[in-house]
Amino acid sequence: MAPNKETINDAIINCLKNIYDPEIPVNIFDLGLIYNIDIDDELNVKILMTMTAPDCPEAEYMFQEVKQMVGYIEGIKSVDVELTFNPPWDWNSLSDDVKCDLGLI
């Protein structure tokens, strides 16, 4: 069965949940660093993401890791990752489960 947008989207989210912020022990998806995942009809993927801070020393590494790891998913033709700081990331981006795990609530 050929991959479709829904299965590709699920695979991307699973992949992103295996990439962790090096300073906060939470994956980048649950951390709220992924703002949007867009998949076109030809299975080209565009991911809009941010970092916890504009001067994050690991920004380039994480950016490249997302592009590389998502690119390994079978069926995807291309991956474009765009970095934005608008809106800036803040702690409200975390889910309540993650906030609880980190002792923030």
N, C-alpha and C. Protein backbone atom coordinates (compact mmCIF):
# COMPACT_ATOMS: atom_id res chain seq x y z
N MET A 1 0.84 -1.18 0.00
CA MET A 1 0.00 0.00 0.00
C MET A 1 0.88 1.25 0.00
N ALA A 2 0.61 2.15 -0.91
CA ALA A 2 1.40 3.37 -1.03
C ALA A 2 1.10 4.31 0.13
N PRO A 3 2.12 5.02 0.60
CA PRO A 3 1.89 5.98 1.69
C PRO A 3 0.97 7.11 1.23
N ASN A 4 0.18 7.61 2.17
CA ASN A 4 -0.67 8.77 1.89
C ASN A 4 -0.37 9.86 2.91
N LYS A 5 -1.03 10.99 2.75
CA LYS A 5 -0.74 12.13 3.64
C LYS A 5 -0.92 11.79 5.12
N GLU A 6 -1.98 11.05 5.42
CA GLU A 6 -2.26 10.73 6.83
C GLU A 6 -1.18 9.83 7.42
N THR A 7 -0.78 8.79 6.70
CA THR A 7 0.25 7.90 7.23
C THR A 7 1.60 8.60 7.29
N ILE A 8 1.87 9.46 6.31
CA ILE A 8 3.12 10.23 6.33
C ILE A 8 3.12 11.19 7.52
N ASN A 9 2.00 11.86 7.76
CA ASN A 9 1.91 12.79 8.89
C ASN A 9 2.14 12.06 10.21
N ASP A 10 1.52 10.90 10.37
CA ASP A 10 1.71 10.11 11.59
C ASP A 10 3.18 9.70 11.75
N ALA A 11 3.80 9.29 10.64
CA ALA A 11 5.22 8.89 10.68
C ALA A 11 6.11 10.07 11.04
N ILE A 12 5.79 11.25 10.53
CA ILE A 12 6.57 12.45 10.84
C ILE A 12 6.47 12.77 12.33
N ILE A 13 5.25 12.74 12.87
CA ILE A 13 5.07 13.03 14.29
C ILE A 13 5.83 12.01 15.14
N ASN A 14 5.74 10.74 14.79
CA ASN A 14 6.49 9.71 15.53
C ASN A 14 7.99 9.97 15.46
N CYS A 15 8.47 10.37 14.30
CA CYS A 15 9.88 10.69 14.12
C CYS A 15 10.28 11.88 15.01
N LEU A 16 9.48 12.94 14.98
CA LEU A 16 9.78 14.14 15.76
C LEU A 16 9.75 13.87 17.26
N LYS A 17 8.94 12.90 17.67
CA LYS A 17 8.88 12.54 19.09
C LYS A 17 10.11 11.77 19.54
N ASN A 18 11.01 11.47 18.61
CA ASN A 18 12.26 10.80 18.94
C ASN A 18 13.46 11.74 18.85
N ILE A 19 13.20 13.02 18.64
CA ILE A 19 14.25 14.03 18.60
C ILE A 19 14.07 14.90 19.84
N TYR A 20 15.09 14.92 20.69
CA TYR A 20 14.98 15.62 21.97
C TYR A 20 15.80 16.90 21.98
N ASP A 21 15.24 17.90 22.65
CA ASP A 21 15.98 19.13 22.90
C ASP A 21 17.13 18.75 23.84
N PRO A 22 18.36 19.15 23.52
CA PRO A 22 19.49 18.74 24.35
C PRO A 22 19.51 19.38 25.74
N GLU A 23 18.76 20.45 25.95
CA GLU A 23 18.79 21.13 27.24
C GLU A 23 17.57 20.84 28.10
N ILE A 24 16.48 20.40 27.47
CA ILE A 24 15.25 20.11 28.19
C ILE A 24 14.89 18.66 27.83
N PRO A 25 14.69 17.79 28.80
CA PRO A 25 14.48 16.37 28.49
C PRO A 25 13.08 16.06 27.94
N VAL A 26 12.71 16.75 26.87
CA VAL A 26 11.41 16.58 26.23
C VAL A 26 11.63 16.57 24.73
N ASN A 27 10.87 15.74 24.03
CA ASN A 27 11.02 15.71 22.57
C ASN A 27 10.49 17.01 21.96
N ILE A 28 10.99 17.33 20.78
CA ILE A 28 10.69 18.64 20.19
C ILE A 28 9.23 18.80 19.79
N PHE A 29 8.53 17.69 19.55
CA PHE A 29 7.11 17.79 19.21
C PHE A 29 6.30 18.18 20.45
N ASP A 30 6.49 17.43 21.53
CA ASP A 30 5.75 17.73 22.77
C ASP A 30 6.22 19.02 23.43
N LEU A 31 7.41 19.44 23.10
CA LEU A 31 7.93 20.71 23.62
C LEU A 31 7.26 21.90 22.95
N GLY A 32 6.62 21.64 21.81
CA GLY A 32 5.92 22.71 21.10
C GLY A 32 6.81 23.45 20.12
N LEU A 33 7.92 22.85 19.72
CA LEU A 33 8.82 23.50 18.77
C LEU A 33 8.36 23.36 17.32
N ILE A 34 7.43 22.46 17.07
CA ILE A 34 6.92 22.25 15.71
C ILE A 34 5.62 23.03 15.59
N TYR A 35 5.64 24.05 14.74
CA TYR A 35 4.45 24.88 14.56
C TYR A 35 3.52 24.34 13.48
N ASN A 36 4.07 23.73 12.43
CA ASN A 36 3.22 23.26 11.34
C ASN A 36 3.94 22.18 10.54
N ILE A 37 3.16 21.21 10.09
CA ILE A 37 3.63 20.19 9.16
C ILE A 37 2.70 20.24 7.97
N ASP A 38 3.25 20.53 6.80
CA ASP A 38 2.44 20.61 5.58
C ASP A 38 2.95 19.55 4.61
N ILE A 39 2.04 18.75 4.09
CA ILE A 39 2.38 17.70 3.14
C ILE A 39 1.56 17.94 1.88
N ASP A 40 2.23 18.11 0.74
CA ASP A 40 1.47 18.33 -0.49
C ASP A 40 1.08 16.99 -1.12
N ASP A 41 0.35 17.04 -2.23
CA ASP A 41 -0.15 15.83 -2.87
C ASP A 41 0.94 14.92 -3.40
N GLU A 42 2.12 15.46 -3.63
CA GLU A 42 3.24 14.65 -4.12
C GLU A 42 4.13 14.15 -2.97
N LEU A 43 3.69 14.39 -1.74
CA LEU A 43 4.38 13.98 -0.51
C LEU A 43 5.70 14.71 -0.29
N ASN A 44 5.71 15.98 -0.70
CA ASN A 44 6.78 16.89 -0.31
C ASN A 44 6.36 17.48 1.03
N VAL A 45 7.28 17.57 1.96
CA VAL A 45 6.96 17.99 3.32
C VAL A 45 7.62 19.33 3.63
N LYS A 46 6.85 20.20 4.26
CA LYS A 46 7.39 21.46 4.76
C LYS A 46 7.06 21.53 6.25
N ILE A 47 8.09 21.74 7.06
CA ILE A 47 7.93 21.82 8.51
C ILE A 47 8.34 23.21 8.96
N LEU A 48 7.46 23.85 9.71
CA LEU A 48 7.76 25.14 10.31
C LEU A 48 8.03 24.88 11.78
N MET A 49 9.22 25.29 12.22
CA MET A 49 9.59 25.04 13.62
C MET A 49 10.29 26.23 14.22
N THR A 50 10.45 26.17 15.52
CA THR A 50 11.15 27.22 16.24
C THR A 50 12.13 26.57 17.21
N MET A 51 12.82 27.38 17.94
CA MET A 51 13.71 26.94 19.01
C MET A 51 13.24 27.60 20.30
N THR A 52 13.74 27.09 21.42
CA THR A 52 13.32 27.68 22.70
C THR A 52 13.83 29.10 22.87
N ALA A 53 14.90 29.45 22.15
CA ALA A 53 15.45 30.80 22.20
C ALA A 53 16.19 31.08 20.88
N PRO A 54 16.15 32.32 20.40
CA PRO A 54 16.84 32.64 19.14
C PRO A 54 18.33 32.36 19.16
N ASP A 55 18.94 32.42 20.33
CA ASP A 55 20.38 32.19 20.42
C ASP A 55 20.72 30.77 20.87
N CYS A 56 19.79 29.85 20.66
CA CYS A 56 19.99 28.45 21.05
C CYS A 56 21.25 27.91 20.39
N PRO A 57 22.22 27.43 21.18
CA PRO A 57 23.46 26.95 20.61
C PRO A 57 23.31 25.66 19.80
N GLU A 58 22.21 24.95 19.98
CA GLU A 58 21.98 23.70 19.27
C GLU A 58 21.04 23.87 18.07
N ALA A 59 20.69 25.10 17.72
CA ALA A 59 19.70 25.35 16.67
C ALA A 59 20.06 24.68 15.35
N GLU A 60 21.26 24.87 14.87
CA GLU A 60 21.65 24.30 13.58
C GLU A 60 21.63 22.78 13.62
N TYR A 61 22.09 22.20 14.70
CA TYR A 61 22.09 20.74 14.85
C TYR A 61 20.67 20.20 14.82
N MET A 62 19.78 20.79 15.60
CA MET A 62 18.40 20.32 15.66
C MET A 62 17.69 20.51 14.33
N PHE A 63 17.93 21.62 13.69
CA PHE A 63 17.35 21.93 12.38
C PHE A 63 17.76 20.84 11.38
N GLN A 64 19.03 20.52 11.33
CA GLN A 64 19.54 19.50 10.40
C GLN A 64 19.04 18.10 10.78
N GLU A 65 18.94 17.82 12.07
CA GLU A 65 18.45 16.52 12.50
C GLU A 65 17.00 16.30 12.08
N VAL A 66 16.17 17.32 12.22
CA VAL A 66 14.78 17.21 11.77
C VAL A 66 14.73 16.93 10.28
N LYS A 67 15.46 17.70 9.51
CA LYS A 67 15.45 17.51 8.05
C LYS A 67 15.94 16.11 7.67
N GLN A 68 17.01 15.66 8.28
CA GLN A 68 17.57 14.36 7.95
C GLN A 68 16.65 13.22 8.38
N MET A 69 16.20 13.23 9.62
CA MET A 69 15.41 12.13 10.14
C MET A 69 14.06 12.02 9.43
N VAL A 70 13.40 13.13 9.18
CA VAL A 70 12.12 13.10 8.46
C VAL A 70 12.36 12.63 7.02
N GLY A 71 13.48 13.01 6.46
CA GLY A 71 13.80 12.61 5.09
C GLY A 71 13.97 11.11 4.92
N TYR A 72 14.24 10.39 6.01
CA TYR A 72 14.38 8.94 5.95
C TYR A 72 13.04 8.21 5.85
N ILE A 73 11.94 8.91 6.09
CA ILE A 73 10.63 8.26 6.09
C ILE A 73 10.27 7.85 4.66
N GLU A 74 9.91 6.58 4.51
CA GLU A 74 9.59 6.05 3.20
C GLU A 74 8.38 6.76 2.59
N GLY A 75 8.52 7.15 1.34
CA GLY A 75 7.44 7.79 0.60
C GLY A 75 7.60 9.29 0.47
N ILE A 76 8.35 9.91 1.37
CA ILE A 76 8.54 11.36 1.31
C ILE A 76 9.49 11.69 0.17
N LYS A 77 9.07 12.65 -0.66
CA LYS A 77 9.92 13.05 -1.80
C LYS A 77 10.95 14.09 -1.41
N SER A 78 10.56 15.06 -0.60
CA SER A 78 11.50 16.09 -0.17
C SER A 78 11.06 16.65 1.18
N VAL A 79 12.02 17.25 1.87
CA VAL A 79 11.75 17.86 3.18
C VAL A 79 12.34 19.25 3.20
N ASP A 80 11.51 20.22 3.53
CA ASP A 80 11.96 21.60 3.70
C ASP A 80 11.62 22.00 5.13
N VAL A 81 12.62 22.42 5.86
CA VAL A 81 12.41 22.84 7.25
C VAL A 81 12.69 24.33 7.33
N GLU A 82 11.71 25.06 7.84
CA GLU A 82 11.86 26.50 7.99
C GLU A 82 11.87 26.85 9.47
N LEU A 83 12.82 27.67 9.85
CA LEU A 83 12.95 28.11 11.23
C LEU A 83 12.34 29.49 11.38
N THR A 84 11.51 29.66 12.40
CA THR A 84 10.89 30.95 12.67
C THR A 84 10.93 31.25 14.16
N PHE A 85 10.88 32.51 14.48
CA PHE A 85 10.77 32.92 15.89
C PHE A 85 9.54 33.79 16.08
N ASN A 86 8.60 33.64 15.15
CA ASN A 86 7.36 34.40 15.20
C ASN A 86 6.20 33.43 15.10
N PRO A 87 5.49 33.16 16.16
CA PRO A 87 5.65 33.73 17.49
C PRO A 87 6.81 33.06 18.23
N PRO A 88 7.38 33.76 19.18
CA PRO A 88 8.45 33.16 19.96
C PRO A 88 7.91 32.02 20.83
N TRP A 89 8.73 31.01 21.01
CA TRP A 89 8.34 29.89 21.87
C TRP A 89 8.29 30.36 23.31
N ASP A 90 7.35 29.81 24.08
CA ASP A 90 7.33 30.04 25.52
C ASP A 90 6.81 28.79 26.23
N TRP A 91 6.89 28.78 27.52
CA TRP A 91 6.52 27.61 28.31
C TRP A 91 5.06 27.21 28.13
N ASN A 92 4.22 28.11 27.68
CA ASN A 92 2.81 27.78 27.44
C ASN A 92 2.65 26.82 26.28
N SER A 93 3.70 26.64 25.47
CA SER A 93 3.66 25.70 24.35
C SER A 93 3.65 24.25 24.82
N LEU A 94 4.06 24.01 26.04
CA LEU A 94 4.10 22.65 26.59
C LEU A 94 2.69 22.16 26.91
N SER A 95 2.48 20.87 26.72
CA SER A 95 1.22 20.28 27.14
C SER A 95 1.20 20.21 28.67
N ASP A 96 0.01 20.06 29.25
CA ASP A 96 -0.09 19.94 30.70
C ASP A 96 0.65 18.71 31.20
N ASP A 97 0.62 17.62 30.42
CA ASP A 97 1.34 16.40 30.82
C ASP A 97 2.85 16.66 30.93
N VAL A 98 3.39 17.37 29.96
CA VAL A 98 4.81 17.68 29.99
C VAL A 98 5.13 18.65 31.13
N LYS A 99 4.29 19.63 31.34
CA LYS A 99 4.48 20.57 32.46
C LYS A 99 4.50 19.81 33.78
N CYS A 100 3.61 18.85 33.91
CA CYS A 100 3.56 18.05 35.13
C CYS A 100 4.82 17.20 35.27
N ASP A 101 5.25 16.57 34.18
CA ASP A 101 6.47 15.76 34.20
C ASP A 101 7.69 16.57 34.60
N LEU A 102 7.72 17.84 34.20
CA LEU A 102 8.85 18.70 34.51
C LEU A 102 8.70 19.42 35.86
N GLY A 103 7.58 19.17 36.54
CA GLY A 103 7.34 19.78 37.84
C GLY A 103 6.97 21.25 37.76
N LEU A 104 6.39 21.65 36.63
CA LEU A 104 6.02 23.06 36.46
C LEU A 104 4.60 23.34 36.93
N ILE A 105 3.81 22.28 37.12
CA ILE A 105 2.45 22.46 37.67
C ILE A 105 2.19 21.39 38.70
